[in-house]
């Protein structure tokens, strides 16, 4: 039989297109007083394969000519990457910019770096999507968060429903936030996807109810493919193929239920609050698959709508959390 040459694989870059919020608290933050002049500012530069492998996150806002990395990032740079004085890396602090920096000193607890250049490299889109989803089990949580970051989701809300089997505690949420940092380092995002505290569905339905908000419009969907059930038989259902997202000035929220789906009373409550139903297709999807499908469609629509100036850039602060006591 003739020998067929192996297929050549390559990396395909998909631009992240949705906004994300500012830095998360990942431990004690050291803010430094800088007296030196600010570093020079460069133009937007596309990420390269080498720069993506040398990116590190600074919990402290980078405002001067020097910065100190501590904790996990310092350990990775010093012990794993074996950085020495003169090593060049790229830093980001969640502000939307990235910073070309040179290592000046390495000790047991910190790495001192000199900021050589600030590059305005905000790779976000004005479109802002919130995914509220029941958490899957085990490593599927990490995989889901990684892909949502890569697809540019602005905010993730761990959702608690009647049929939820995973009820995350604070340490679990911190692991998710650490995954956000690692995924952002890999994919080139310079703003972090916000991860909220877990909330009950009743609180989410009120907090994210459709309507005008801060000069924009908010639309909300709840994934529910069972069109033949009584609670949705007379309710219009949108599909991903014809998802009426609106313009890039629209705030979007999509709720994904647990493996067993939403309870019929939960669906009725969502419809009563003005939420629309979203059909993800004829096959049963895992939680993480459904979340990624929604994020991918939103990313594609926002890419095709780049001419719209959209919403102003997200600030460097996280959005106020949902009040878990809301009923």
C-alpha atoms as a PDB file:
ATOM      1  CA  UNK A   1       0.000   0.000   0.000  1.00  0.00           C
ATOM      2  CA  UNK A   2       1.286   3.514  -0.730  1.00  0.00           C
ATOM      3  CA  UNK A   3       2.570   5.388   2.250  1.00  0.00           C
ATOM      4  CA  UNK A   4       0.543   8.475   3.061  1.00  0.00           C
ATOM      5  CA  UNK A   5       2.523  11.316   4.598  1.00  0.00           C
ATOM      6  CA  UNK A   6       1.379  12.266   8.092  1.00  0.00           C
ATOM      7  CA  UNK A   7      -0.932  15.177   8.467  1.00  0.00           C
ATOM      8  CA  UNK A   8       0.826  18.327   9.499  1.00  0.00           C
ATOM      9  CA  UNK A   9      -0.551  19.886  12.637  1.00  0.00           C
ATOM     10  CA  UNK A  10      -0.392  23.530  13.510  1.00  0.00           C
ATOM     11  CA  UNK A  11      -1.661  26.074  15.926  1.00  0.00           C
ATOM     12  CA  UNK A  12      -4.729  28.015  14.955  1.00  0.00           C
ATOM     13  CA  UNK A  13      -5.136  31.262  16.798  1.00  0.00           C
ATOM     14  CA  UNK A  14      -8.669  32.227  17.792  1.00  0.00           C
ATOM     15  CA  UNK A  15      -8.873  35.785  19.067  1.00  0.00           C
ATOM     16  CA  UNK A  16     -10.511  36.051  22.489  1.00  0.00           C
ATOM     17  CA  UNK A  17     -13.437  38.402  21.956  1.00  0.00           C
ATOM     18  CA  UNK A  18     -15.299  38.983  25.170  1.00  0.00           C
ATOM     19  CA  UNK A  19     -14.519  41.213  28.119  1.00  0.00           C
ATOM     20  CA  UNK A  20     -13.277  40.083  31.483  1.00  0.00           C
ATOM     21  CA  UNK A  21     -13.051  41.686  34.845  1.00  0.00           C
ATOM     22  CA  UNK A  22     -10.048  42.840  36.850  1.00  0.00           C
ATOM     23  CA  UNK A  23      -7.686  40.852  39.069  1.00  0.00           C
ATOM     24  CA  UNK A  24      -8.914  38.336  41.591  1.00  0.00           C
ATOM     25  CA  UNK A  25      -7.569  37.938  45.076  1.00  0.00           C
ATOM     26  CA  UNK A  26      -5.176  35.005  44.927  1.00  0.00           C
ATOM     27  CA  UNK A  27      -3.435  35.653  48.207  1.00  0.00           C
ATOM     28  CA  UNK A  28      -1.633  38.519  49.959  1.00  0.00           C
ATOM     29  CA  UNK A  29      -0.838  41.351  47.583  1.00  0.00           C
ATOM     30  CA  UNK A  30       2.195  43.567  47.965  1.00  0.00           C
ATOM     31  CA  UNK A  31       1.754  47.043  46.552  1.00  0.00           C
ATOM     32  CA  UNK A  32       4.930  48.954  45.966  1.00  0.00           C
ATOM     33  CA  UNK A  33       5.631  52.652  46.025  1.00  0.00           C
ATOM     34  CA  UNK A  34       7.409  53.634  42.858  1.00  0.00           C
ATOM     35  CA  UNK A  35       9.325  56.841  42.404  1.00  0.00           C
ATOM     36  CA  UNK A  36      10.824  56.145  38.997  1.00  0.00           C
ATOM     37  CA  UNK A  37       9.246  57.463  35.842  1.00  0.00           C
ATOM     38  CA  UNK A  38       6.663  55.331  34.049  1.00  0.00           C
ATOM     39  CA  UNK A  39       7.924  52.966  31.342  1.00  0.00           C
ATOM     40  CA  UNK A  40       7.424  53.819  27.720  1.00  0.00           C
ATOM     41  CA  UNK A  41       4.212  52.754  26.038  1.00  0.00           C
ATOM     42  CA  UNK A  42       4.099  50.696  22.854  1.00  0.00           C
ATOM     43  CA  UNK A  43       1.397  49.802  20.350  1.00  0.00           C
ATOM     44  CA  UNK A  44      -0.710  46.654  20.317  1.00  0.00           C
ATOM     45  CA  UNK A  45       1.361  43.632  19.385  1.00  0.00           C
ATOM     46  CA  UNK A  46      -0.011  40.233  18.443  1.00  0.00           C
ATOM     47  CA  UNK A  47       1.019  37.452  20.827  1.00  0.00           C
ATOM     48  CA  UNK A  48       3.680  35.047  19.639  1.00  0.00           C
ATOM     49  CA  UNK A  49       4.387  31.448  20.609  1.00  0.00           C
ATOM     50  CA  UNK A  50       7.454  32.491  22.582  1.00  0.00           C
ATOM     51  CA  UNK A  51       5.729  35.310  24.458  1.00  0.00           C
ATOM     52  CA  UNK A  52       2.840  33.078  25.460  1.00  0.00           C
ATOM     53  CA  UNK A  53       5.225  30.666  27.236  1.00  0.00           C
ATOM     54  CA  UNK A  54       6.944  33.492  29.148  1.00  0.00           C
ATOM     55  CA  UNK A  55       3.914  35.316  30.548  1.00  0.00           C
ATOM     56  CA  UNK A  56       3.487  35.867  34.275  1.00  0.00           C
ATOM     57  CA  UNK A  57       0.701  37.460  36.296  1.00  0.00           C
ATOM     58  CA  UNK A  58       1.357  40.240  38.790  1.00  0.00           C
ATOM     59  CA  UNK A  59      -1.209  40.535  41.573  1.00  0.00           C
ATOM     60  CA  UNK A  60       0.046  44.033  42.327  1.00  0.00           C
ATOM     61  CA  UNK A  61      -0.884  46.682  39.734  1.00  0.00           C
ATOM     62  CA  UNK A  62       2.161  47.595  37.664  1.00  0.00           C
ATOM     63  CA  UNK A  63       2.449  51.379  37.810  1.00  0.00           C
ATOM     64  CA  UNK A  64       6.152  52.135  37.867  1.00  0.00           C
ATOM     65  CA  UNK A  65       9.461  50.951  36.497  1.00  0.00           C
ATOM     66  CA  UNK A  66       9.902  47.955  38.806  1.00  0.00           C
ATOM     67  CA  UNK A  67       7.739  45.150  40.202  1.00  0.00           C
ATOM     68  CA  UNK A  68       8.166  42.187  42.517  1.00  0.00           C
ATOM     69  CA  UNK A  69       6.607  38.795  41.802  1.00  0.00           C
ATOM     70  CA  UNK A  70       5.823  36.639  44.816  1.00  0.00           C
ATOM     71  CA  UNK A  71       4.035  33.392  45.610  1.00  0.00           C
ATOM     72  CA  UNK A  72       3.245  30.855  42.896  1.00  0.00           C
ATOM     73  CA  UNK A  73       4.304  33.119  40.023  1.00  0.00           C
ATOM     74  CA  UNK A  74       7.712  33.788  41.587  1.00  0.00           C
ATOM     75  CA  UNK A  75       8.186  30.080  42.265  1.00  0.00           C
ATOM     76  CA  UNK A  76       7.336  29.187  38.675  1.00  0.00           C
ATOM     77  CA  UNK A  77       9.647  31.830  37.245  1.00  0.00           C
ATOM     78  CA  UNK A  78      12.558  31.105  39.576  1.00  0.00           C
ATOM     79  CA  UNK A  79      12.333  27.342  40.195  1.00  0.00           C
ATOM     80  CA  UNK A  80      10.590  25.970  37.101  1.00  0.00           C
ATOM     81  CA  UNK A  81      11.787  28.390  34.409  1.00  0.00           C
ATOM     82  CA  UNK A  82      15.107  28.853  36.292  1.00  0.00           C
ATOM     83  CA  UNK A  83      15.203  32.569  35.564  1.00  0.00           C
ATOM     84  CA  UNK A  84      18.405  34.467  36.243  1.00  0.00           C
ATOM     85  CA  UNK A  85      19.238  38.178  36.113  1.00  0.00           C
ATOM     86  CA  UNK A  86      18.823  39.266  32.512  1.00  0.00           C
ATOM     87  CA  UNK A  87      15.979  36.838  31.694  1.00  0.00           C
ATOM     88  CA  UNK A  88      13.262  38.622  29.695  1.00  0.00           C
ATOM     89  CA  UNK A  89       9.585  37.871  30.304  1.00  0.00           C
ATOM     90  CA  UNK A  90       6.142  39.367  29.701  1.00  0.00           C
ATOM     91  CA  UNK A  91       3.947  40.404  32.644  1.00  0.00           C
ATOM     92  CA  UNK A  92       0.264  41.325  32.895  1.00  0.00           C
ATOM     93  CA  UNK A  93      -1.735  42.608  35.847  1.00  0.00           C
ATOM     94  CA  UNK A  94      -5.356  42.386  34.672  1.00  0.00           C
ATOM     95  CA  UNK A  95      -5.482  45.997  33.466  1.00  0.00           C
ATOM     96  CA  UNK A  96      -5.574  45.086  29.767  1.00  0.00           C
ATOM     97  CA  UNK A  97      -1.933  45.946  29.111  1.00  0.00           C
ATOM     98  CA  UNK A  98       1.137  43.755  29.162  1.00  0.00           C
ATOM     99  CA  UNK A  99       4.667  44.639  30.208  1.00  0.00           C
ATOM    100  CA  UNK A 100       7.991  43.564  28.762  1.00  0.00           C
ATOM    101  CA  UNK A 101      10.285  43.071  31.746  1.00  0.00           C
ATOM    102  CA  UNK A 102      13.797  41.923  32.653  1.00  0.00           C
ATOM    103  CA  UNK A 103      14.683  39.938  35.770  1.00  0.00           C
ATOM    104  CA  UNK A 104      17.039  41.886  38.036  1.00  0.00           C
ATOM    105  CA  UNK A 105      17.241  39.646  41.103  1.00  0.00           C
ATOM    106  CA  UNK A 106      16.002  36.236  42.267  1.00  0.00           C
ATOM    107  CA  UNK A 107      15.731  35.136  45.887  1.00  0.00           C
ATOM    108  CA  UNK A 108      13.887  32.421  47.774  1.00  0.00           C
ATOM    109  CA  UNK A 109      10.564  34.271  48.019  1.00  0.00           C
ATOM    110  CA  UNK A 110      10.451  36.855  45.250  1.00  0.00           C
ATOM    111  CA  UNK A 111      11.682  37.836  41.821  1.00  0.00           C
ATOM    112  CA  UNK A 112      12.518  41.497  41.167  1.00  0.00           C
ATOM    113  CA  UNK A 113      11.946  42.763  37.630  1.00  0.00           C
ATOM    114  CA  UNK A 114      12.561  45.971  35.717  1.00  0.00           C
ATOM    115  CA  UNK A 115       9.736  47.144  33.441  1.00  0.00           C
ATOM    116  CA  UNK A 116      11.192  47.886  29.998  1.00  0.00           C
ATOM    117  CA  UNK A 117       8.036  48.675  28.038  1.00  0.00           C
ATOM    118  CA  UNK A 118       4.272  48.853  28.530  1.00  0.00           C
ATOM    119  CA  UNK A 119       2.230  47.556  25.583  1.00  0.00           C
ATOM    120  CA  UNK A 120      -1.467  48.388  25.269  1.00  0.00           C
ATOM    121  CA  UNK A 121      -2.612  44.904  24.293  1.00  0.00           C
ATOM    122  CA  UNK A 122      -6.240  44.645  25.341  1.00  0.00           C
ATOM    123  CA  UNK A 123      -7.458  41.583  23.413  1.00  0.00           C
ATOM    124  CA  UNK A 124     -11.047  41.809  24.630  1.00  0.00           C
ATOM    125  CA  UNK A 125     -14.301  42.550  22.837  1.00  0.00           C
ATOM    126  CA  UNK A 126     -16.981  44.987  23.992  1.00  0.00           C
ATOM    127  CA  UNK A 127     -19.387  42.022  24.055  1.00  0.00           C
ATOM    128  CA  UNK A 128     -19.709  40.738  27.611  1.00  0.00           C
ATOM    129  CA  UNK A 129     -20.980  37.242  28.307  1.00  0.00           C
ATOM    130  CA  UNK A 130     -21.721  35.795  31.726  1.00  0.00           C
ATOM    131  CA  UNK A 131     -21.912  32.005  31.961  1.00  0.00           C
ATOM    132  CA  UNK A 132     -23.756  30.774  35.054  1.00  0.00           C
ATOM    133  CA  UNK A 133     -23.379  27.020  35.278  1.00  0.00           C
ATOM    134  CA  UNK A 134     -23.677  24.202  37.754  1.00  0.00           C
ATOM    135  CA  UNK A 135     -20.178  22.838  38.303  1.00  0.00           C
ATOM    136  CA  UNK A 136     -19.332  19.432  36.864  1.00  0.00           C
ATOM    137  CA  UNK A 137     -17.345  16.925  38.873  1.00  0.00           C
ATOM    138  CA  UNK A 138     -13.583  16.596  39.160  1.00  0.00           C
ATOM    139  CA  UNK A 139     -11.165  17.734  36.467  1.00  0.00           C
ATOM    140  CA  UNK A 140     -14.021  18.678  34.166  1.00  0.00           C
ATOM    141  CA  UNK A 141     -14.299  21.923  36.180  1.00  0.00           C
ATOM    142  CA  UNK A 142     -10.767  22.953  35.244  1.00  0.00           C
ATOM    143  CA  UNK A 143     -11.256  22.055  31.597  1.00  0.00           C
ATOM    144  CA  UNK A 144     -14.449  24.100  31.402  1.00  0.00           C
ATOM    145  CA  UNK A 145     -12.884  27.178  32.998  1.00  0.00           C
ATOM    146  CA  UNK A 146      -9.847  26.951  30.691  1.00  0.00           C
ATOM    147  CA  UNK A 147     -12.021  26.911  27.580  1.00  0.00           C
ATOM    148  CA  UNK A 148     -14.286  29.718  28.779  1.00  0.00           C
ATOM    149  CA  UNK A 149     -11.214  31.879  29.350  1.00  0.00           C
ATOM    150  CA  UNK A 150      -9.860  31.046  25.894  1.00  0.00           C
ATOM    151  CA  UNK A 151     -13.205  31.921  24.299  1.00  0.00           C
ATOM    152  CA  UNK A 152     -13.279  35.283  26.058  1.00  0.00           C
ATOM    153  CA  UNK A 153     -16.111  34.860  28.572  1.00  0.00           C
ATOM    154  CA  UNK A 154     -16.355  37.926  30.812  1.00  0.00           C
ATOM    155  CA  UNK A 155     -17.677  36.318  33.981  1.00  0.00           C
ATOM    156  CA  UNK A 156     -18.427  32.880  35.419  1.00  0.00           C
ATOM    157  CA  UNK A 157     -20.977  32.241  38.159  1.00  0.00           C
ATOM    158  CA  UNK A 158     -21.025  28.828  39.894  1.00  0.00           C
ATOM    159  CA  UNK A 159     -24.723  28.003  39.962  1.00  0.00           C
ATOM    160  CA  UNK A 160     -26.596  26.145  42.699  1.00  0.00           C
ATOM    161  CA  UNK A 161     -29.857  24.485  41.678  1.00  0.00           C
ATOM    162  CA  UNK A 162     -32.231  21.918  43.127  1.00  0.00           C
ATOM    163  CA  UNK A 163     -30.491  19.108  41.273  1.00  0.00           C
ATOM    164  CA  UNK A 164     -26.905  20.272  41.773  1.00  0.00           C
ATOM    165  CA  UNK A 165     -24.545  17.546  42.942  1.00  0.00           C
ATOM    166  CA  UNK A 166     -21.462  19.779  43.362  1.00  0.00           C
ATOM    167  CA  UNK A 167     -21.638  22.608  45.904  1.00  0.00           C
ATOM    168  CA  UNK A 168     -18.246  24.349  45.831  1.00  0.00           C
ATOM    169  CA  UNK A 169     -16.647  25.908  48.896  1.00  0.00           C
ATOM    170  CA  UNK A 170     -14.254  28.862  48.995  1.00  0.00           C
ATOM    171  CA  UNK A 171     -11.165  26.742  48.352  1.00  0.00           C
ATOM    172  CA  UNK A 172     -12.805  25.294  45.239  1.00  0.00           C
ATOM    173  CA  UNK A 173     -13.544  28.803  43.961  1.00  0.00           C
ATOM    174  CA  UNK A 174      -9.925  29.815  44.556  1.00  0.00           C
ATOM    175  CA  UNK A 175      -8.797  26.850  42.462  1.00  0.00           C
ATOM    176  CA  UNK A 176     -11.064  28.032  39.676  1.00  0.00           C
ATOM    177  CA  UNK A 177      -9.558  31.522  39.887  1.00  0.00           C
ATOM    178  CA  UNK A 178      -6.070  30.080  39.726  1.00  0.00           C
ATOM    179  CA  UNK A 179      -7.109  28.200  36.603  1.00  0.00           C
ATOM    180  CA  UNK A 180      -8.263  31.523  35.139  1.00  0.00           C
ATOM    181  CA  UNK A 181      -4.777  32.964  35.666  1.00  0.00           C
ATOM    182  CA  UNK A 182      -3.054  29.949  34.103  1.00  0.00           C
ATOM    183  CA  UNK A 183      -5.391  29.934  31.108  1.00  0.00           C
ATOM    184  CA  UNK A 184      -4.958  33.691  30.618  1.00  0.00           C
ATOM    185  CA  UNK A 185      -1.178  33.267  30.624  1.00  0.00           C
ATOM    186  CA  UNK A 186      -1.467  30.639  27.910  1.00  0.00           C
ATOM    187  CA  UNK A 187      -4.008  32.292  25.601  1.00  0.00           C
ATOM    188  CA  UNK A 188      -2.809  35.900  25.795  1.00  0.00           C
ATOM    189  CA  UNK A 189      -5.692  37.556  27.623  1.00  0.00           C
ATOM    190  CA  UNK A 190      -4.641  40.502  29.752  1.00  0.00           C
ATOM    191  CA  UNK A 191      -7.860  40.763  31.746  1.00  0.00           C
ATOM    192  CA  UNK A 192      -9.046  37.985  34.026  1.00  0.00           C
ATOM    193  CA  UNK A 193     -12.413  36.315  33.707  1.00  0.00           C
ATOM    194  CA  UNK A 194     -14.309  37.104  36.893  1.00  0.00           C
ATOM    195  CA  UNK A 195     -15.314  34.094  39.021  1.00  0.00           C
ATOM    196  CA  UNK A 196     -18.150  34.863  41.444  1.00  0.00           C
ATOM    197  CA  UNK A 197     -19.069  33.109  44.642  1.00  0.00           C
ATOM    198  CA  UNK A 198     -21.643  30.320  44.161  1.00  0.00           C
ATOM    199  CA  UNK A 199     -25.233  31.599  44.034  1.00  0.00           C
ATOM    200  CA  UNK A 200     -28.665  30.023  44.079  1.00  0.00           C
ATOM    201  CA  UNK A 201     -30.626  30.117  40.847  1.00  0.00           C
ATOM    202  CA  UNK A 202     -33.338  32.285  42.437  1.00  0.00           C
ATOM    203  CA  UNK A 203     -30.777  35.021  43.154  1.00  0.00           C
ATOM    204  CA  UNK A 204     -29.334  34.792  39.643  1.00  0.00           C
ATOM    205  CA  UNK A 205     -32.744  35.100  37.998  1.00  0.00           C
ATOM    206  CA  UNK A 206     -33.366  38.403  39.765  1.00  0.00           C
ATOM    207  CA  UNK A 207     -29.866  39.853  39.514  1.00  0.00           C
ATOM    208  CA  UNK A 208     -29.453  39.085  35.801  1.00  0.00           C
ATOM    209  CA  UNK A 209     -33.064  39.710  34.727  1.00  0.00           C
ATOM    210  CA  UNK A 210     -33.355  41.132  31.191  1.00  0.00           C
ATOM    211  CA  UNK A 211     -33.771  44.877  30.763  1.00  0.00           C
ATOM    212  CA  UNK A 212     -31.845  48.150  30.463  1.00  0.00           C
ATOM    213  CA  UNK A 213     -28.776  48.563  32.677  1.00  0.00           C
ATOM    214  CA  UNK A 214     -26.241  51.401  32.753  1.00  0.00           C
ATOM    215  CA  UNK A 215     -27.008  52.591  29.234  1.00  0.00           C
ATOM    216  CA  UNK A 216     -26.887  49.073  27.788  1.00  0.00           C
ATOM    217  CA  UNK A 217     -29.323  46.213  27.360  1.00  0.00           C
ATOM    218  CA  UNK A 218     -29.155  42.894  29.177  1.00  0.00           C
ATOM    219  CA  UNK A 219     -30.494  39.675  27.680  1.00  0.00           C
ATOM    220  CA  UNK A 220     -30.679  36.360  29.512  1.00  0.00           C
ATOM    221  CA  UNK A 221     -31.246  32.752  28.492  1.00  0.00           C
ATOM    222  CA  UNK A 222     -31.687  29.510  30.396  1.00  0.00           C
ATOM    223  CA  UNK A 223     -30.713  26.312  28.593  1.00  0.00           C
ATOM    224  CA  UNK A 224     -33.658  23.929  28.433  1.00  0.00           C
ATOM    225  CA  UNK A 225     -33.966  21.583  25.440  1.00  0.00           C
ATOM    226  CA  UNK A 226     -37.168  19.794  26.464  1.00  0.00           C
ATOM    227  CA  UNK A 227     -39.696  21.638  24.312  1.00  0.00           C
ATOM    228  CA  UNK A 228     -42.408  19.048  24.843  1.00  0.00           C
ATOM    229  CA  UNK A 229     -42.667  19.555  28.597  1.00  0.00           C
ATOM    230  CA  UNK A 230     -45.750  21.426  29.886  1.00  0.00           C
ATOM    231  CA  UNK A 231     -43.795  24.258  31.499  1.00  0.00           C
ATOM    232  CA  UNK A 232     -42.388  25.356  28.108  1.00  0.00           C
ATOM    233  CA  UNK A 233     -44.970  24.163  25.611  1.00  0.00           C
ATOM    234  CA  UNK A 234     -46.264  27.705  24.964  1.00  0.00           C
ATOM    235  CA  UNK A 235     -42.943  29.519  25.452  1.00  0.00           C
ATOM    236  CA  UNK A 236     -40.768  30.625  22.500  1.00  0.00           C
ATOM    237  CA  UNK A 237     -37.429  28.806  22.366  1.00  0.00           C
ATOM    238  CA  UNK A 238     -34.252  30.211  20.791  1.00  0.00           C
ATOM    239  CA  UNK A 239     -31.558  27.991  19.271  1.00  0.00           C
ATOM    240  CA  UNK A 240     -27.809  28.485  19.017  1.00  0.00           C
ATOM    241  CA  UNK A 241     -28.112  28.546  15.224  1.00  0.00           C
ATOM    242  CA  UNK A 242     -30.453  31.536  15.413  1.00  0.00           C
ATOM    243  CA  UNK A 243     -29.431  33.125  18.686  1.00  0.00           C
ATOM    244  CA  UNK A 244     -30.831  36.706  18.841  1.00  0.00           C
ATOM    245  CA  UNK A 245     -27.948  38.139  20.851  1.00  0.00           C
ATOM    246  CA  UNK A 246     -28.443  41.763  19.827  1.00  0.00           C
ATOM    247  CA  UNK A 247     -25.617  44.241  19.242  1.00  0.00           C
ATOM    248  CA  UNK A 248     -22.240  44.289  20.961  1.00  0.00           C
ATOM    249  CA  UNK A 249     -23.740  46.803  23.400  1.00  0.00           C
ATOM    250  CA  UNK A 250     -25.760  43.943  24.881  1.00  0.00           C
ATOM    251  CA  UNK A 251     -24.858  42.283  28.173  1.00  0.00           C
ATOM    252  CA  UNK A 252     -25.464  38.563  27.819  1.00  0.00           C
ATOM    253  CA  UNK A 253     -26.123  35.898  30.425  1.00  0.00           C
ATOM    254  CA  UNK A 254     -26.668  32.185  29.845  1.00  0.00           C
ATOM    255  CA  UNK A 255     -27.575  29.707  32.615  1.00  0.00           C
ATOM    256  CA  UNK A 256     -26.542  26.058  32.260  1.00  0.00           C
ATOM    257  CA  UNK A 257     -28.110  23.499  34.587  1.00  0.00           C
ATOM    258  CA  UNK A 258     -26.715  20.355  36.263  1.00  0.00           C
ATOM    259  CA  UNK A 259     -26.536  16.925  34.638  1.00  0.00           C
ATOM    260  CA  UNK A 260     -30.180  16.264  35.455  1.00  0.00           C
ATOM    261  CA  UNK A 261     -31.323  19.579  34.001  1.00  0.00           C
ATOM    262  CA  UNK A 262     -33.324  22.310  35.660  1.00  0.00           C
ATOM    263  CA  UNK A 263     -36.386  21.474  37.751  1.00  0.00           C
ATOM    264  CA  UNK A 264     -39.700  22.424  36.027  1.00  0.00           C
ATOM    265  CA  UNK A 265     -40.415  24.980  38.761  1.00  0.00           C
ATOM    266  CA  UNK A 266     -37.028  26.594  38.101  1.00  0.00           C
ATOM    267  CA  UNK A 267     -37.860  26.914  34.418  1.00  0.00           C
ATOM    268  CA  UNK A 268     -41.224  28.510  35.220  1.00  0.00           C
ATOM    269  CA  UNK A 269     -39.510  30.974  37.567  1.00  0.00           C
ATOM    270  CA  UNK A 270     -36.997  31.932  34.883  1.00  0.00           C
ATOM    271  CA  UNK A 271     -39.692  32.527  32.274  1.00  0.00           C
ATOM    272  CA  UNK A 272     -41.659  34.619  34.773  1.00  0.00           C
ATOM    273  CA  UNK A 273     -38.547  36.834  35.247  1.00  0.00           C
ATOM    274  CA  UNK A 274     -38.306  37.425  31.496  1.00  0.00           C
ATOM    275  CA  UNK A 275     -35.573  34.898  30.718  1.00  0.00           C
ATOM    276  CA  UNK A 276     -35.724  33.235  27.294  1.00  0.00           C
ATOM    277  CA  UNK A 277     -35.276  29.503  26.730  1.00  0.00           C
ATOM    278  CA  UNK A 278     -32.250  28.285  24.781  1.00  0.00           C
ATOM    279  CA  UNK A 279     -32.246  24.943  22.949  1.00  0.00           C
ATOM    280  CA  UNK A 280     -28.723  23.519  22.555  1.00  0.00           C
ATOM    281  CA  UNK A 281     -29.727  20.780  20.129  1.00  0.00           C
ATOM    282  CA  UNK A 282     -31.218  17.279  20.079  1.00  0.00           C
ATOM    283  CA  UNK A 283     -28.379  15.567  21.949  1.00  0.00           C
ATOM    284  CA  UNK A 284     -27.805  15.556  25.702  1.00  0.00           C
ATOM    285  CA  UNK A 285     -24.720  17.647  26.506  1.00  0.00           C
ATOM    286  CA  UNK A 286     -22.520  17.561  29.562  1.00  0.00           C
ATOM    287  CA  UNK A 287     -22.363  20.767  31.572  1.00  0.00           C
ATOM    288  CA  UNK A 288     -18.950  21.768  30.275  1.00  0.00           C
ATOM    289  CA  UNK A 289     -19.879  20.976  26.673  1.00  0.00           C
ATOM    290  CA  UNK A 290     -22.996  23.149  26.883  1.00  0.00           C
ATOM    291  CA  UNK A 291     -21.065  26.042  28.437  1.00  0.00           C
ATOM    292  CA  UNK A 292     -18.334  25.911  25.797  1.00  0.00           C
ATOM    293  CA  UNK A 293     -20.896  25.662  22.967  1.00  0.00           C
ATOM    294  CA  UNK A 294     -22.641  28.813  24.176  1.00  0.00           C
ATOM    295  CA  UNK A 295     -19.336  30.662  24.591  1.00  0.00           C
ATOM    296  CA  UNK A 296     -18.122  29.623  21.136  1.00  0.00           C
ATOM    297  CA  UNK A 297     -21.266  30.854  19.404  1.00  0.00           C
ATOM    298  CA  UNK A 298     -21.087  34.149  21.295  1.00  0.00           C
ATOM    299  CA  UNK A 299     -17.430  34.510  20.280  1.00  0.00           C
ATOM    300  CA  UNK A 300     -18.266  33.904  16.624  1.00  0.00           C
ATOM    301  CA  UNK A 301     -21.105  36.435  16.638  1.00  0.00           C
ATOM    302  CA  UNK A 302     -18.960  39.073  18.329  1.00  0.00           C
ATOM    303  CA  UNK A 303     -16.136  38.514  15.848  1.00  0.00           C
ATOM    304  CA  UNK A 304     -18.558  39.238  13.003  1.00  0.00           C
ATOM    305  CA  UNK A 305     -19.713  42.434  14.747  1.00  0.00           C
ATOM    306  CA  UNK A 306     -16.345  44.095  15.308  1.00  0.00           C
ATOM    307  CA  UNK A 307     -17.391  47.292  13.549  1.00  0.00           C
ATOM    308  CA  UNK A 308     -19.731  48.137  16.430  1.00  0.00           C
ATOM    309  CA  UNK A 309     -17.922  50.267  19.050  1.00  0.00           C
ATOM    310  CA  UNK A 310     -19.869  48.429  21.725  1.00  0.00           C
ATOM    311  CA  UNK A 311     -19.617  48.988  25.438  1.00  0.00           C
ATOM    312  CA  UNK A 312     -16.740  50.880  27.037  1.00  0.00           C
ATOM    313  CA  UNK A 313     -13.840  48.697  28.227  1.00  0.00           C
ATOM    314  CA  UNK A 314     -14.461  46.885  31.486  1.00  0.00           C
ATOM    315  CA  UNK A 315     -12.878  48.535  34.504  1.00  0.00           C
ATOM    316  CA  UNK A 316     -10.078  46.931  36.468  1.00  0.00           C
ATOM    317  CA  UNK A 317     -12.457  46.071  39.309  1.00  0.00           C
ATOM    318  CA  UNK A 318     -14.686  43.055  39.542  1.00  0.00           C
ATOM    319  CA  UNK A 319     -18.417  43.357  39.158  1.00  0.00           C
ATOM    320  CA  UNK A 320     -20.399  43.487  42.443  1.00  0.00           C
ATOM    321  CA  UNK A 321     -21.294  39.923  43.450  1.00  0.00           C
ATOM    322  CA  UNK A 322     -24.812  38.609  43.359  1.00  0.00           C
ATOM    323  CA  UNK A 323     -26.551  38.795  46.728  1.00  0.00           C
ATOM    324  CA  UNK A 324     -27.038  35.133  47.703  1.00  0.00           C
ATOM    325  CA  UNK A 325     -29.908  36.096  50.038  1.00  0.00           C
ATOM    326  CA  UNK A 326     -32.095  37.357  47.171  1.00  0.00           C
ATOM    327  CA  UNK A 327     -35.280  35.410  46.672  1.00  0.00           C
END
